[in-house]
Amino acid sequence: MDRLILGELVQPFFFGLLSFSLLIVSATMLKPALDFMINFNLPFALFLKMMALGLPQVVAFAFPMAVLLGTLLAVGRLNNDHEIVALRAAGVSLWRAAAPVFYFGIFISGVTFLLNELIVPAANSEITGMKNQIVLRKTGAIKQENLVLPFYSQGALSFLLVAESLEGDSLHSVKFYHFGDSESDDWWIYASRGSWQEDHWVFHEGRRYQVMSDGTVMTSIFDKLDIEELKVTSRQLNRRSKTSLEMSIAELRSYIRQLVREGLTKEAQKNMVEYYFKFSTPFSCLFFVLIAFPLAISPARTTGGTGMGIALLIVLVYYVLLMLCTRLGQAGALNPIIAGWIPNAIVMAAGLRLFGMKDR
């Protein structure tokens, strides 16, 4: 029985994986990549390399949808041929009949998790590095958004640079924190912009805050301030900056701890939501099985077109919930771990309810 159900599942799963991957590539990757190739006059081989590096993330994104569609089509065909009815007439419970599909969902969840952890961050970093090098060669300028870069000395955090953007040799909306051996050695700077001059950075139009020995904070205003401690060029800053999509779980967890230690709670909150999504999103494969199996054994015949339509509707609802929870979590309206798991919890609750109705 298990071999029969798994055999039915494999072909529609790969059909769904190919279909959804092509859909994602067409909707999100193809046009930006073509525009980038045309704007910078890239050879077609380099364009293909960039597309290939983007495929791991596309496949990881498509896995849950493929499991959902594969389950709908495979179980729907078995139901249309009255094989599910025959199993239940033989005394096999609905939960037992669904067991091989659940095992398949668990397996694909694990594969998705490993793909997101081991391959996707490195591939995304490679794409970012390639684009930056191309832009640098063509224009001589670098552009990077939302920099948050720690600097260590003998294993201890020494500086933290936060900037809204890096464009060429200019930083915008800069925050620079210095951490000494004691609290009275701490100081920080807020500046509207920074510029690279010869061998260090110069900050413009800002304020410097110094913690005094009695615990009070002295504030001074400046038009121009040399930051001799910051001798990292714009190219080096760009190479060191990573987004959450370019970090493994361990890297993101370490980064969040740094933000919390330095009181950057709002930035930490945003990244904590992304951190928990790194766990919850792969396991949506399992929860999609839970809702797809009872839907597929409805009285209506589940054809390919019907299955695709149901799958798209469920995916649409799921990702609307995902975006809503992301916003609420990053705004602090929801605990990050709750925000990360609410979409899966809703799908699980709906699936359990449907299973309960069908297993009577």
Protein backbone atom coordinates (compact mmCIF):
# COMPACT_ATOMS: atom_id res chain seq x y z
CA MET A 1 0.00 0.00 0.00
CA ASP A 2 2.72 2.46 0.98
CA ARG A 3 4.69 1.75 -2.19
CA LEU A 4 1.56 2.25 -4.31
CA ILE A 5 0.79 5.66 -2.75
CA LEU A 6 4.39 6.86 -2.93
CA GLY A 7 4.63 5.69 -6.53
CA GLU A 8 1.59 7.78 -7.39
CA LEU A 9 3.06 10.80 -5.57
CA VAL A 10 6.51 11.04 -7.16
CA GLN A 11 5.50 12.03 -10.72
CA PRO A 12 3.03 14.82 -9.78
CA PHE A 13 5.51 16.08 -7.17
CA PHE A 14 8.22 16.60 -9.80
CA PHE A 15 5.63 18.05 -12.17
CA GLY A 16 4.69 20.56 -9.47
CA LEU A 17 8.34 21.28 -8.66
CA LEU A 18 9.08 22.08 -12.31
CA SER A 19 5.87 24.07 -12.80
CA PHE A 20 6.22 26.20 -9.69
CA SER A 21 9.96 26.72 -10.22
CA LEU A 22 9.33 28.02 -13.73
CA LEU A 23 6.54 30.23 -12.39
CA ILE A 24 8.78 31.70 -9.68
CA VAL A 25 11.67 32.24 -12.09
CA SER A 26 9.37 33.98 -14.58
CA ALA A 27 7.71 36.14 -11.93
CA THR A 28 10.68 37.15 -9.80
CA MET A 29 14.06 36.40 -11.42
CA LEU A 30 13.92 36.60 -15.18
CA LYS A 31 13.09 40.26 -15.82
CA PRO A 32 15.53 41.71 -13.20
CA ALA A 33 18.30 39.42 -14.47
CA LEU A 34 17.65 40.36 -18.10
CA ASP A 35 17.56 44.06 -17.22
CA PHE A 36 20.86 43.70 -15.36
CA MET A 37 22.42 41.86 -18.31
CA ILE A 38 21.26 44.50 -20.80
CA ASN A 39 22.17 47.52 -18.64
CA PHE A 40 25.71 46.26 -18.05
CA ASN A 41 26.17 44.52 -21.40
CA LEU A 42 26.95 41.14 -19.84
CA PRO A 43 27.81 38.01 -21.84
CA PHE A 44 25.03 35.44 -21.96
CA ALA A 45 27.20 32.89 -20.11
CA LEU A 46 27.41 35.21 -17.10
CA PHE A 47 23.64 35.70 -17.20
CA LEU A 48 23.17 31.91 -17.15
CA LYS A 49 25.57 31.61 -14.20
CA MET A 50 23.58 34.18 -12.22
CA MET A 51 20.33 32.38 -13.00
CA ALA A 52 21.87 29.05 -11.97
CA LEU A 53 23.04 30.51 -8.66
CA GLY A 54 19.51 31.74 -8.02
CA LEU A 55 17.96 28.32 -8.59
CA PRO A 56 18.65 26.85 -5.09
CA GLN A 57 16.46 29.51 -3.49
CA VAL A 58 13.78 29.03 -6.16
CA VAL A 59 13.74 25.25 -5.62
CA ALA A 60 13.59 25.67 -1.83
CA PHE A 61 10.66 28.05 -2.28
CA ALA A 62 8.90 25.66 -4.70
CA PHE A 63 9.29 22.49 -2.60
CA PRO A 64 6.27 23.11 -0.31
CA MET A 65 4.07 24.01 -3.30
CA ALA A 66 5.20 20.89 -5.16
CA VAL A 67 4.38 18.69 -2.16
CA LEU A 68 0.96 20.31 -1.95
CA LEU A 69 0.17 19.82 -5.65
CA GLY A 70 1.67 16.33 -5.75
CA THR A 71 -0.49 15.22 -2.81
CA LEU A 72 -3.65 16.71 -4.33
CA LEU A 73 -3.08 15.03 -7.70
CA ALA A 74 -1.80 11.66 -6.46
CA VAL A 75 -4.39 11.14 -3.73
CA GLY A 76 -7.08 12.58 -5.99
CA ARG A 77 -6.31 9.99 -8.67
CA LEU A 78 -6.38 7.18 -6.10
CA ASN A 79 -9.69 8.51 -4.81
CA ASN A 80 -11.16 8.81 -8.32
CA ASP A 81 -10.23 5.16 -8.94
CA HIS A 82 -11.94 4.22 -5.64
CA GLU A 83 -8.70 2.87 -4.19
CA ILE A 84 -9.01 5.00 -1.06
CA VAL A 85 -12.56 3.65 -0.61
CA ALA A 86 -11.23 0.09 -0.99
CA LEU A 87 -8.54 0.70 1.65
CA ARG A 88 -11.08 2.08 4.11
CA ALA A 89 -13.45 -0.83 3.39
CA ALA A 90 -10.58 -3.16 4.29
CA GLY A 91 -10.35 -1.48 7.69
CA VAL A 92 -7.43 0.88 6.93
CA SER A 93 -7.91 4.21 8.69
CA LEU A 94 -7.48 7.48 6.84
CA TRP A 95 -4.50 8.34 9.03
CA ARG A 96 -2.80 5.04 8.17
CA ALA A 97 -3.48 5.54 4.46
CA ALA A 98 -1.91 9.00 4.69
CA ALA A 99 1.20 7.78 6.54
CA PRO A 100 3.48 7.42 3.46
CA VAL A 101 2.50 10.91 2.30
CA PHE A 102 3.36 12.29 5.75
CA TYR A 103 6.74 10.54 5.63
CA PHE A 104 7.34 12.05 2.22
CA GLY A 105 6.41 15.51 3.57
CA ILE A 106 8.85 15.08 6.48
CA PHE A 107 11.61 14.01 4.07
CA ILE A 108 11.07 17.00 1.75
CA SER A 109 10.92 19.30 4.79
CA GLY A 110 14.37 18.06 5.82
CA VAL A 111 15.73 18.47 2.29
CA THR A 112 14.33 22.02 2.15
CA PHE A 113 15.85 22.87 5.53
CA LEU A 114 19.29 21.60 4.50
CA LEU A 115 19.06 23.39 1.16
CA ASN A 116 18.19 26.67 2.90
CA GLU A 117 20.96 26.19 5.44
CA LEU A 118 23.87 24.83 3.40
CA ILE A 119 23.44 26.00 -0.20
CA VAL A 120 21.06 28.97 -0.49
CA PRO A 121 23.07 31.44 1.67
CA ALA A 122 26.31 30.73 -0.18
CA ALA A 123 24.59 30.99 -3.58
CA ASN A 124 22.90 34.29 -2.65
CA SER A 125 26.22 35.69 -1.38
CA GLU A 126 27.87 34.68 -4.64
CA ILE A 127 25.19 36.47 -6.67
CA THR A 128 25.56 39.64 -4.57
CA GLY A 129 29.34 39.51 -4.94
CA MET A 130 29.11 39.04 -8.71
CA LYS A 131 26.70 41.95 -9.10
CA ASN A 132 28.83 44.22 -6.95
CA GLN A 133 31.95 43.40 -8.92
CA ILE A 134 30.13 44.03 -12.22
CA VAL A 135 28.75 47.36 -11.02
CA LEU A 136 32.16 48.34 -9.69
CA ARG A 137 33.92 47.52 -12.97
CA LYS A 138 31.32 49.29 -15.11
CA THR A 139 30.64 52.39 -13.00
CA GLY A 140 33.42 52.54 -10.44
CA ALA A 141 30.77 52.82 -7.70
CA ILE A 142 29.32 50.43 -5.16
CA LYS A 143 25.78 50.46 -3.77
CA GLN A 144 24.54 48.51 -0.77
CA GLU A 145 21.43 48.96 1.41
CA ASN A 146 21.07 48.54 5.20
CA LEU A 147 24.60 47.91 6.41
CA VAL A 148 25.09 46.55 9.92
CA LEU A 149 28.73 45.55 10.42
CA PRO A 150 30.47 44.53 13.67
CA PHE A 151 34.24 44.88 14.16
CA TYR A 152 36.11 42.79 16.72
CA SER A 153 39.38 43.24 18.58
CA GLN A 154 40.90 40.18 20.32
CA GLY A 155 37.54 38.41 20.22
CA ALA A 156 35.57 41.29 21.79
CA LEU A 157 33.22 43.63 19.95
CA SER A 158 35.06 46.89 19.38
CA PHE A 159 32.94 48.85 16.88
CA LEU A 160 29.55 48.56 15.27
CA LEU A 161 28.73 50.41 12.05
CA VAL A 162 25.10 50.88 11.01
CA ALA A 163 24.17 52.77 7.83
CA GLU A 164 21.05 53.16 5.73
CA SER A 165 23.05 52.79 2.54
CA LEU A 166 26.51 52.71 0.98
CA GLU A 167 26.85 54.38 -2.42
CA GLY A 168 30.32 54.53 -3.91
CA ASP A 169 32.52 56.05 -1.19
CA SER A 170 29.61 57.58 0.75
CA LEU A 171 27.60 56.32 3.69
CA HIS A 172 24.13 57.70 4.46
CA SER A 173 22.33 57.94 7.83
CA VAL A 174 25.30 56.58 9.77
CA LYS A 175 25.47 55.26 13.33
CA PHE A 176 28.89 54.30 14.67
CA TYR A 177 29.36 52.72 18.10
CA HIS A 178 32.62 52.30 19.99
CA PHE A 179 32.84 49.85 22.91
CA GLY A 180 35.70 50.19 25.36
CA ASP A 181 36.90 48.08 28.27
CA SER A 182 34.57 49.95 30.63
CA GLU A 183 31.31 51.83 30.21
CA SER A 184 33.08 55.18 30.57
CA ASP A 185 35.09 54.35 27.43
CA ASP A 186 31.96 53.98 25.32
CA TRP A 187 30.94 56.55 22.74
CA TRP A 188 28.73 56.65 19.69
CA ILE A 189 28.07 58.89 16.73
CA TYR A 190 25.00 59.70 14.66
CA ALA A 191 25.77 61.44 11.35
CA SER A 192 23.78 62.29 8.23
CA ARG A 193 26.55 60.97 5.97
CA GLY A 194 30.09 59.70 5.82
CA SER A 195 32.77 59.93 3.13
CA TRP A 196 35.99 58.01 2.49
CA GLN A 197 39.06 60.25 2.40
CA GLU A 198 42.50 58.81 1.73
CA ASP A 199 42.79 56.17 4.48
CA HIS A 200 39.81 56.65 6.81
CA TRP A 201 36.19 57.74 7.02
CA VAL A 202 34.97 61.26 7.74
CA PHE A 203 31.47 61.80 9.17
CA HIS A 204 29.48 64.95 8.45
CA GLU A 205 26.68 66.84 10.20
CA GLY A 206 26.15 64.79 13.31
CA ARG A 207 26.37 64.35 17.05
CA ARG A 208 28.90 62.54 19.23
CA TYR A 209 27.79 61.01 22.54
CA GLN A 210 30.38 60.21 25.23
CA VAL A 211 29.66 58.31 28.46
CA MET A 212 31.33 60.11 31.38
CA SER A 213 32.79 58.52 34.52
CA ASP A 214 29.74 59.52 36.58
CA GLY A 215 27.39 57.76 34.09
CA THR A 216 26.10 60.91 32.42
CA VAL A 217 26.28 61.35 28.64
CA MET A 218 28.00 64.37 27.10
CA THR A 219 26.76 65.45 23.66
CA SER A 220 28.74 67.43 21.12
CA ILE A 221 27.68 68.64 17.66
CA PHE A 222 30.03 68.55 14.68
CA ASP A 223 30.02 69.49 11.01
CA LYS A 224 32.95 67.25 10.18
CA LEU A 225 34.64 64.54 12.24
CA ASP A 226 37.54 62.27 11.27
CA ILE A 227 37.02 58.66 12.32
CA GLU A 228 40.58 57.39 12.44
CA GLU A 229 39.41 54.10 13.95
CA LEU A 230 37.45 53.17 10.81
CA LYS A 231 39.97 52.33 8.08
CA VAL A 232 37.84 49.88 6.10
CA THR A 233 37.29 50.89 2.48
CA SER A 234 33.90 50.93 0.80
CA ARG A 235 34.79 47.77 -1.13
CA GLN A 236 35.65 45.97 2.11
CA LEU A 237 32.42 47.19 3.73
CA ASN A 238 30.44 45.91 0.80
CA ARG A 239 32.04 42.47 0.92
CA ARG A 240 31.37 42.14 4.66
CA SER A 241 27.69 43.15 4.54
CA LYS A 242 25.17 40.29 4.46
CA THR A 243 21.39 40.05 4.46
CA SER A 244 19.47 37.36 6.34
CA LEU A 245 19.08 35.45 3.04
CA GLU A 246 22.87 35.25 2.84
CA MET A 247 23.32 33.94 6.39
CA SER A 248 23.04 30.48 7.85
CA ILE A 249 21.04 29.97 11.04
CA ALA A 250 24.19 30.09 13.16
CA GLU A 251 25.39 33.30 11.50
CA LEU A 252 22.00 34.99 11.88
CA ARG A 253 21.72 33.92 15.53
CA SER A 254 25.17 35.36 16.28
CA TYR A 255 24.27 38.58 14.49
CA ILE A 256 21.02 38.94 16.47
CA ARG A 257 22.90 38.47 19.75
CA GLN A 258 25.23 41.29 18.78
CA LEU A 259 22.31 43.58 18.04
CA VAL A 260 20.64 42.74 21.36
CA ARG A 261 23.85 43.33 23.32
CA GLU A 262 24.19 46.76 21.78
CA GLY A 263 20.58 47.77 22.37
CA LEU A 264 19.53 47.73 18.69
CA THR A 265 16.25 46.07 19.62
CA LYS A 266 14.26 47.14 16.56
CA GLU A 267 16.83 45.73 14.16
CA ALA A 268 17.12 42.59 16.31
CA GLN A 269 13.34 42.13 16.22
CA LYS A 270 13.29 42.22 12.42
CA ASN A 271 16.03 39.64 12.15
CA MET A 272 14.50 37.38 14.81
CA VAL A 273 11.39 37.04 12.64
CA GLU A 274 13.59 35.99 9.71
CA TYR A 275 15.43 33.61 12.04
CA TYR A 276 12.27 31.70 13.01
CA PHE A 277 11.07 31.62 9.41
CA LYS A 278 14.25 29.70 8.59
CA PHE A 279 12.80 26.88 10.72
CA SER A 280 9.09 27.19 10.00
CA THR A 281 9.06 27.66 6.22
CA PRO A 282 10.73 24.31 5.33
CA PHE A 283 8.26 22.45 7.53
CA SER A 284 5.32 23.92 5.65
CA CYS A 285 5.82 20.87 3.39
CA LEU A 286 4.51 18.63 6.17
CA PHE A 287 1.58 20.91 7.01
CA PHE A 288 0.60 21.23 3.36
CA VAL A 289 0.29 17.42 3.24
CA LEU A 290 -2.02 17.59 6.24
CA ILE A 291 -4.46 19.88 4.45
CA ALA A 292 -4.05 18.45 0.92
CA PHE A 293 -4.79 14.79 1.72
CA PRO A 294 -8.37 15.28 3.01
CA LEU A 295 -9.10 17.85 0.29
CA ALA A 296 -8.06 15.31 -2.37
CA ILE A 297 -10.60 12.70 -1.21
CA SER A 298 -13.58 15.01 -1.61
CA PRO A 299 -16.51 13.66 -3.70
CA ALA A 300 -15.62 15.93 -6.63
CA ARG A 301 -13.03 14.54 -9.04
CA THR A 302 -9.57 16.12 -8.60
CA THR A 303 -8.18 16.70 -12.10
CA GLY A 304 -4.85 18.32 -12.92
CA GLY A 305 -6.44 21.71 -13.48
CA THR A 306 -8.51 21.50 -10.31
CA GLY A 307 -5.49 20.41 -8.29
CA MET A 308 -3.39 23.26 -9.61
CA GLY A 309 -6.16 25.75 -8.83
CA ILE A 310 -6.61 24.48 -5.27
CA ALA A 311 -2.83 24.45 -4.73
CA LEU A 312 -2.46 28.03 -5.96
CA LEU A 313 -5.30 29.19 -3.72
CA ILE A 314 -3.82 27.53 -0.62
CA VAL A 315 -0.35 28.88 -1.43
CA LEU A 316 -1.76 32.37 -1.96
CA VAL A 317 -3.54 32.32 1.42
CA TYR A 318 -0.45 30.89 3.12
CA TYR A 319 1.93 33.53 1.77
CA VAL A 320 -0.51 36.36 2.53
CA LEU A 321 -0.48 35.09 6.12
CA LEU A 322 3.30 34.85 5.95
CA MET A 323 3.68 38.47 4.82
CA LEU A 324 1.17 39.69 7.40
CA CYS A 325 2.93 37.86 10.23
CA THR A 326 6.29 39.15 9.00
CA ARG A 327 5.07 42.75 9.20
CA LEU A 328 3.46 42.28 12.61
CA GLY A 329 6.51 40.47 13.96
CA GLN A 330 8.98 43.04 12.71
CA ALA A 331 6.81 45.87 14.08
CA GLY A 332 6.80 44.23 17.52
CA ALA A 333 3.06 43.52 17.50
CA LEU A 334 3.75 39.76 17.62
CA ASN A 335 6.42 37.74 19.37
CA PRO A 336 8.90 36.67 16.64
CA ILE A 337 8.53 32.95 17.30
CA ILE A 338 4.72 33.26 17.18
CA ALA A 339 4.92 35.31 13.98
CA GLY A 340 7.18 32.67 12.45
CA TRP A 341 4.88 29.72 13.18
CA ILE A 342 1.33 31.18 12.91
CA PRO A 343 0.93 30.36 9.15
CA ASN A 344 1.91 26.73 9.76
CA ALA A 345 -0.34 26.56 12.84
CA ILE A 346 -3.34 27.79 10.84
CA VAL A 347 -2.70 25.28 8.03
CA MET A 348 -2.24 22.52 10.62
CA ALA A 349 -5.50 23.42 12.38
CA ALA A 350 -7.41 23.44 9.09
CA GLY A 351 -5.84 20.12 8.07
CA LEU A 352 -6.69 18.44 11.39
CA ARG A 353 -10.26 19.70 11.13
CA LEU A 354 -10.62 18.33 7.58
CA PHE A 355 -9.05 15.00 8.59
CA GLY A 356 -11.47 14.75 11.49
CA MET A 357 -14.40 15.35 9.17
CA LYS A 358 -13.23 12.80 6.55
CA ASP A 359 -12.21 10.09 9.03
CA ARG A 360 -15.69 9.66 10.54
